[in-house]
Amino acid sequence: MKAKNLAAILLYVAVLFHLLGMSGWVVPEMVQPIQLATLGLMLAALVVLRQKKRRTKRRTARKPPAEVNALVDRAQEGDAAK
């Protein structure tokens, strides 16, 4: 899942929790845990968006030195002579 999509989902759930807490339908003892859950979800959304993407650096294919080519040629000649 992409970071933006996950952050959007977390924020939607945080908004729903906030609206639920503000509606007055919940027991007063549950207001603070709902507020903490809202803050936690918003913090999680920020963390998801701030994670740095680690890209693997692709190394350019290096040309082998001339000595390597000479050694490979000698090895192939030795196999052919057998």
N, C-alpha and C. Protein backbone atom coordinates (compact mmCIF):
# COMPACT_ATOMS: atom_id res chain seq x y z
N MET A 1 0.85 -1.17 0.00
CA MET A 1 0.00 0.00 0.00
C MET A 1 0.89 1.23 0.00
N LYS A 2 0.53 2.21 -0.78
CA LYS A 2 1.34 3.42 -0.87
C LYS A 2 1.14 4.28 0.37
N ALA A 3 2.15 5.09 0.66
CA ALA A 3 2.13 5.89 1.88
C ALA A 3 0.97 6.89 1.89
N LYS A 4 0.70 7.50 0.75
CA LYS A 4 -0.38 8.49 0.71
C LYS A 4 -1.74 7.85 0.98
N ASN A 5 -1.94 6.67 0.42
CA ASN A 5 -3.22 5.98 0.64
C ASN A 5 -3.39 5.58 2.10
N LEU A 6 -2.33 5.04 2.69
CA LEU A 6 -2.39 4.64 4.09
C LEU A 6 -2.61 5.84 4.99
N ALA A 7 -1.94 6.95 4.71
CA ALA A 7 -2.11 8.16 5.51
C ALA A 7 -3.54 8.69 5.39
N ALA A 8 -4.10 8.62 4.19
CA ALA A 8 -5.48 9.09 4.00
C ALA A 8 -6.46 8.23 4.79
N ILE A 9 -6.25 6.92 4.77
CA ILE A 9 -7.12 6.02 5.53
C ILE A 9 -7.02 6.32 7.03
N LEU A 10 -5.79 6.50 7.52
CA LEU A 10 -5.60 6.80 8.94
C LEU A 10 -6.27 8.11 9.32
N LEU A 11 -6.18 9.10 8.45
CA LEU A 11 -6.81 10.40 8.75
C LEU A 11 -8.34 10.30 8.72
N TYR A 12 -8.88 9.51 7.78
CA TYR A 12 -10.34 9.33 7.76
C TYR A 12 -10.83 8.68 9.04
N VAL A 13 -10.11 7.67 9.51
CA VAL A 13 -10.50 7.00 10.76
C VAL A 13 -10.36 7.96 11.94
N ALA A 14 -9.31 8.79 11.92
CA ALA A 14 -9.13 9.78 12.99
C ALA A 14 -10.28 10.78 13.00
N VAL A 15 -10.72 11.21 11.83
CA VAL A 15 -11.85 12.15 11.75
C VAL A 15 -13.12 11.49 12.27
N LEU A 16 -13.34 10.22 11.92
CA LEU A 16 -14.52 9.52 12.42
C LEU A 16 -14.50 9.40 13.94
N PHE A 17 -13.32 9.07 14.49
CA PHE A 17 -13.21 8.99 15.95
C PHE A 17 -13.46 10.35 16.59
N HIS A 18 -12.94 11.41 15.97
CA HIS A 18 -13.14 12.74 16.51
C HIS A 18 -14.62 13.12 16.48
N LEU A 19 -15.28 12.84 15.37
CA LEU A 19 -16.71 13.14 15.30
C LEU A 19 -17.51 12.32 16.31
N LEU A 20 -17.12 11.08 16.50
CA LEU A 20 -17.79 10.24 17.48
C LEU A 20 -17.62 10.81 18.89
N GLY A 21 -16.40 11.25 19.19
CA GLY A 21 -16.15 11.82 20.51
C GLY A 21 -16.87 13.14 20.72
N MET A 22 -16.99 13.94 19.67
CA MET A 22 -17.65 15.23 19.79
C MET A 22 -19.18 15.13 19.78
N SER A 23 -19.70 13.99 19.32
CA SER A 23 -21.15 13.86 19.15
C SER A 23 -21.90 13.79 20.47
N GLY A 24 -21.23 13.32 21.53
CA GLY A 24 -21.91 13.20 22.81
C GLY A 24 -22.60 11.86 22.98
N TRP A 25 -22.43 10.96 22.03
CA TRP A 25 -23.07 9.65 22.12
C TRP A 25 -22.28 8.67 22.98
N VAL A 26 -21.06 9.02 23.28
CA VAL A 26 -20.22 8.09 24.04
C VAL A 26 -20.30 8.38 25.53
N VAL A 27 -19.98 7.38 26.30
CA VAL A 27 -19.94 7.53 27.75
C VAL A 27 -18.80 8.48 28.10
N PRO A 28 -19.01 9.36 29.07
CA PRO A 28 -17.96 10.35 29.39
C PRO A 28 -16.59 9.73 29.72
N GLU A 29 -16.59 8.51 30.25
CA GLU A 29 -15.31 7.87 30.57
C GLU A 29 -14.54 7.48 29.30
N MET A 30 -15.23 7.39 28.17
CA MET A 30 -14.59 6.96 26.93
C MET A 30 -14.11 8.12 26.05
N VAL A 31 -14.40 9.36 26.49
CA VAL A 31 -14.03 10.51 25.67
C VAL A 31 -12.51 10.64 25.57
N GLN A 32 -11.82 10.52 26.69
CA GLN A 32 -10.36 10.68 26.66
C GLN A 32 -9.68 9.57 25.85
N PRO A 33 -10.05 8.30 26.00
CA PRO A 33 -9.41 7.29 25.14
C PRO A 33 -9.67 7.51 23.65
N ILE A 34 -10.86 8.02 23.31
CA ILE A 34 -11.16 8.30 21.90
C ILE A 34 -10.30 9.46 21.41
N GLN A 35 -10.10 10.47 22.25
CA GLN A 35 -9.23 11.59 21.87
C GLN A 35 -7.78 11.12 21.70
N LEU A 36 -7.33 10.24 22.59
CA LEU A 36 -5.97 9.70 22.46
C LEU A 36 -5.82 8.86 21.20
N ALA A 37 -6.85 8.09 20.88
CA ALA A 37 -6.81 7.29 19.65
C ALA A 37 -6.76 8.20 18.43
N THR A 38 -7.51 9.31 18.47
CA THR A 38 -7.49 10.27 17.37
C THR A 38 -6.09 10.85 17.19
N LEU A 39 -5.49 11.25 18.29
CA LEU A 39 -4.13 11.80 18.21
C LEU A 39 -3.14 10.75 17.71
N GLY A 40 -3.30 9.53 18.19
CA GLY A 40 -2.41 8.45 17.74
C GLY A 40 -2.53 8.18 16.25
N LEU A 41 -3.74 8.19 15.74
CA LEU A 41 -3.95 7.95 14.32
C LEU A 41 -3.36 9.09 13.47
N MET A 42 -3.52 10.33 13.95
CA MET A 42 -2.94 11.45 13.21
C MET A 42 -1.41 11.39 13.23
N LEU A 43 -0.84 11.01 14.38
CA LEU A 43 0.60 10.87 14.46
C LEU A 43 1.09 9.75 13.55
N ALA A 44 0.35 8.65 13.51
CA ALA A 44 0.73 7.54 12.63
C ALA A 44 0.70 7.98 11.16
N ALA A 45 -0.29 8.80 10.80
CA ALA A 45 -0.36 9.30 9.43
C ALA A 45 0.85 10.16 9.10
N LEU A 46 1.27 10.99 10.06
CA LEU A 46 2.46 11.82 9.84
C LEU A 46 3.71 10.96 9.68
N VAL A 47 3.83 9.94 10.51
CA VAL A 47 5.00 9.07 10.44
C VAL A 47 5.03 8.33 9.11
N VAL A 48 3.87 7.88 8.66
CA VAL A 48 3.81 7.17 7.37
C VAL A 48 4.24 8.08 6.24
N LEU A 49 3.82 9.33 6.28
CA LEU A 49 4.18 10.25 5.21
C LEU A 49 5.63 10.69 5.27
N ARG A 50 6.24 10.70 6.46
CA ARG A 50 7.60 11.19 6.61
C ARG A 50 8.67 10.13 6.42
N GLN A 51 8.27 8.87 6.28
CA GLN A 51 9.27 7.83 6.11
C GLN A 51 10.03 8.06 4.82
N LYS A 52 11.35 7.99 4.93
CA LYS A 52 12.18 8.22 3.75
C LYS A 52 12.22 6.96 2.92
N LYS A 53 12.18 7.17 1.65
CA LYS A 53 12.26 6.05 0.73
C LYS A 53 13.72 5.70 0.54
N ARG A 54 14.05 4.47 0.76
CA ARG A 54 15.43 4.03 0.55
C ARG A 54 15.55 3.41 -0.82
N ARG A 55 16.22 4.11 -1.68
CA ARG A 55 16.41 3.59 -3.04
C ARG A 55 17.75 2.89 -3.11
N THR A 56 17.75 1.80 -3.79
CA THR A 56 19.03 1.13 -4.01
C THR A 56 19.69 1.79 -5.21
N LYS A 57 20.92 2.15 -5.03
CA LYS A 57 21.64 2.79 -6.13
C LYS A 57 22.13 1.71 -7.08
N ARG A 58 21.80 1.89 -8.32
CA ARG A 58 22.25 0.94 -9.32
C ARG A 58 23.63 1.34 -9.80
N ARG A 59 24.52 0.37 -9.72
CA ARG A 59 25.87 0.62 -10.20
C ARG A 59 25.90 0.37 -11.70
N THR A 60 26.63 1.22 -12.37
CA THR A 60 26.78 1.02 -13.80
C THR A 60 27.66 -0.19 -14.03
N ALA A 61 27.33 -0.96 -15.03
CA ALA A 61 28.11 -2.15 -15.34
C ALA A 61 29.48 -1.71 -15.84
N ARG A 62 30.50 -2.15 -15.13
CA ARG A 62 31.85 -1.76 -15.52
C ARG A 62 32.41 -2.73 -16.54
N LYS A 63 33.20 -2.19 -17.41
CA LYS A 63 33.87 -3.02 -18.40
C LYS A 63 35.07 -3.68 -17.72
N PRO A 64 35.23 -4.97 -17.91
CA PRO A 64 36.38 -5.60 -17.27
C PRO A 64 37.68 -5.10 -17.92
N PRO A 65 38.76 -5.06 -17.15
CA PRO A 65 40.02 -4.59 -17.71
C PRO A 65 40.54 -5.55 -18.78
N ALA A 66 41.47 -5.06 -19.57
CA ALA A 66 42.01 -5.83 -20.69
C ALA A 66 42.69 -7.11 -20.21
N GLU A 67 43.29 -7.07 -19.01
CA GLU A 67 43.97 -8.26 -18.49
C GLU A 67 42.99 -9.41 -18.28
N VAL A 68 41.80 -9.07 -17.83
CA VAL A 68 40.80 -10.11 -17.60
C VAL A 68 40.43 -10.75 -18.93
N ASN A 69 40.24 -9.96 -19.95
CA ASN A 69 39.91 -10.52 -21.27
C ASN A 69 41.03 -11.43 -21.77
N ALA A 70 42.30 -11.01 -21.54
CA ALA A 70 43.44 -11.83 -21.98
C ALA A 70 43.45 -13.17 -21.23
N LEU A 71 43.17 -13.13 -19.91
CA LEU A 71 43.15 -14.37 -19.13
C LEU A 71 42.02 -15.29 -19.58
N VAL A 72 40.87 -14.72 -19.89
CA VAL A 72 39.75 -15.53 -20.36
C VAL A 72 40.09 -16.17 -21.69
N ASP A 73 40.71 -15.40 -22.57
CA ASP A 73 41.11 -15.96 -23.88
C ASP A 73 42.11 -17.11 -23.71
N ARG A 74 43.09 -16.93 -22.82
CA ARG A 74 44.08 -18.00 -22.58
C ARG A 74 43.42 -19.25 -22.01
N ALA A 75 42.45 -19.05 -21.11
CA ALA A 75 41.76 -20.19 -20.52
C ALA A 75 40.94 -20.93 -21.57
N GLN A 76 40.31 -20.18 -22.45
CA GLN A 76 39.53 -20.83 -23.51
C GLN A 76 40.43 -21.56 -24.50
N GLU A 77 41.61 -21.00 -24.78
CA GLU A 77 42.57 -21.66 -25.68
C GLU A 77 43.09 -22.93 -25.05
N GLY A 78 43.32 -22.89 -23.74
CA GLY A 78 43.81 -24.08 -23.03
C GLY A 78 42.77 -25.19 -23.04
N ASP A 79 41.48 -24.84 -22.92
CA ASP A 79 40.41 -25.84 -22.98
C ASP A 79 40.27 -26.41 -24.38
N ALA A 80 40.47 -25.58 -25.37
CA ALA A 80 40.35 -26.04 -26.75
C ALA A 80 41.51 -26.97 -27.13
N ALA A 81 42.69 -26.77 -26.52
CA ALA A 81 43.85 -27.59 -26.84
C ALA A 81 43.73 -28.99 -26.25
N LYS A 82 42.95 -29.16 -25.24
CA LYS A 82 42.83 -30.48 -24.60
C LYS A 82 42.06 -31.43 -25.40
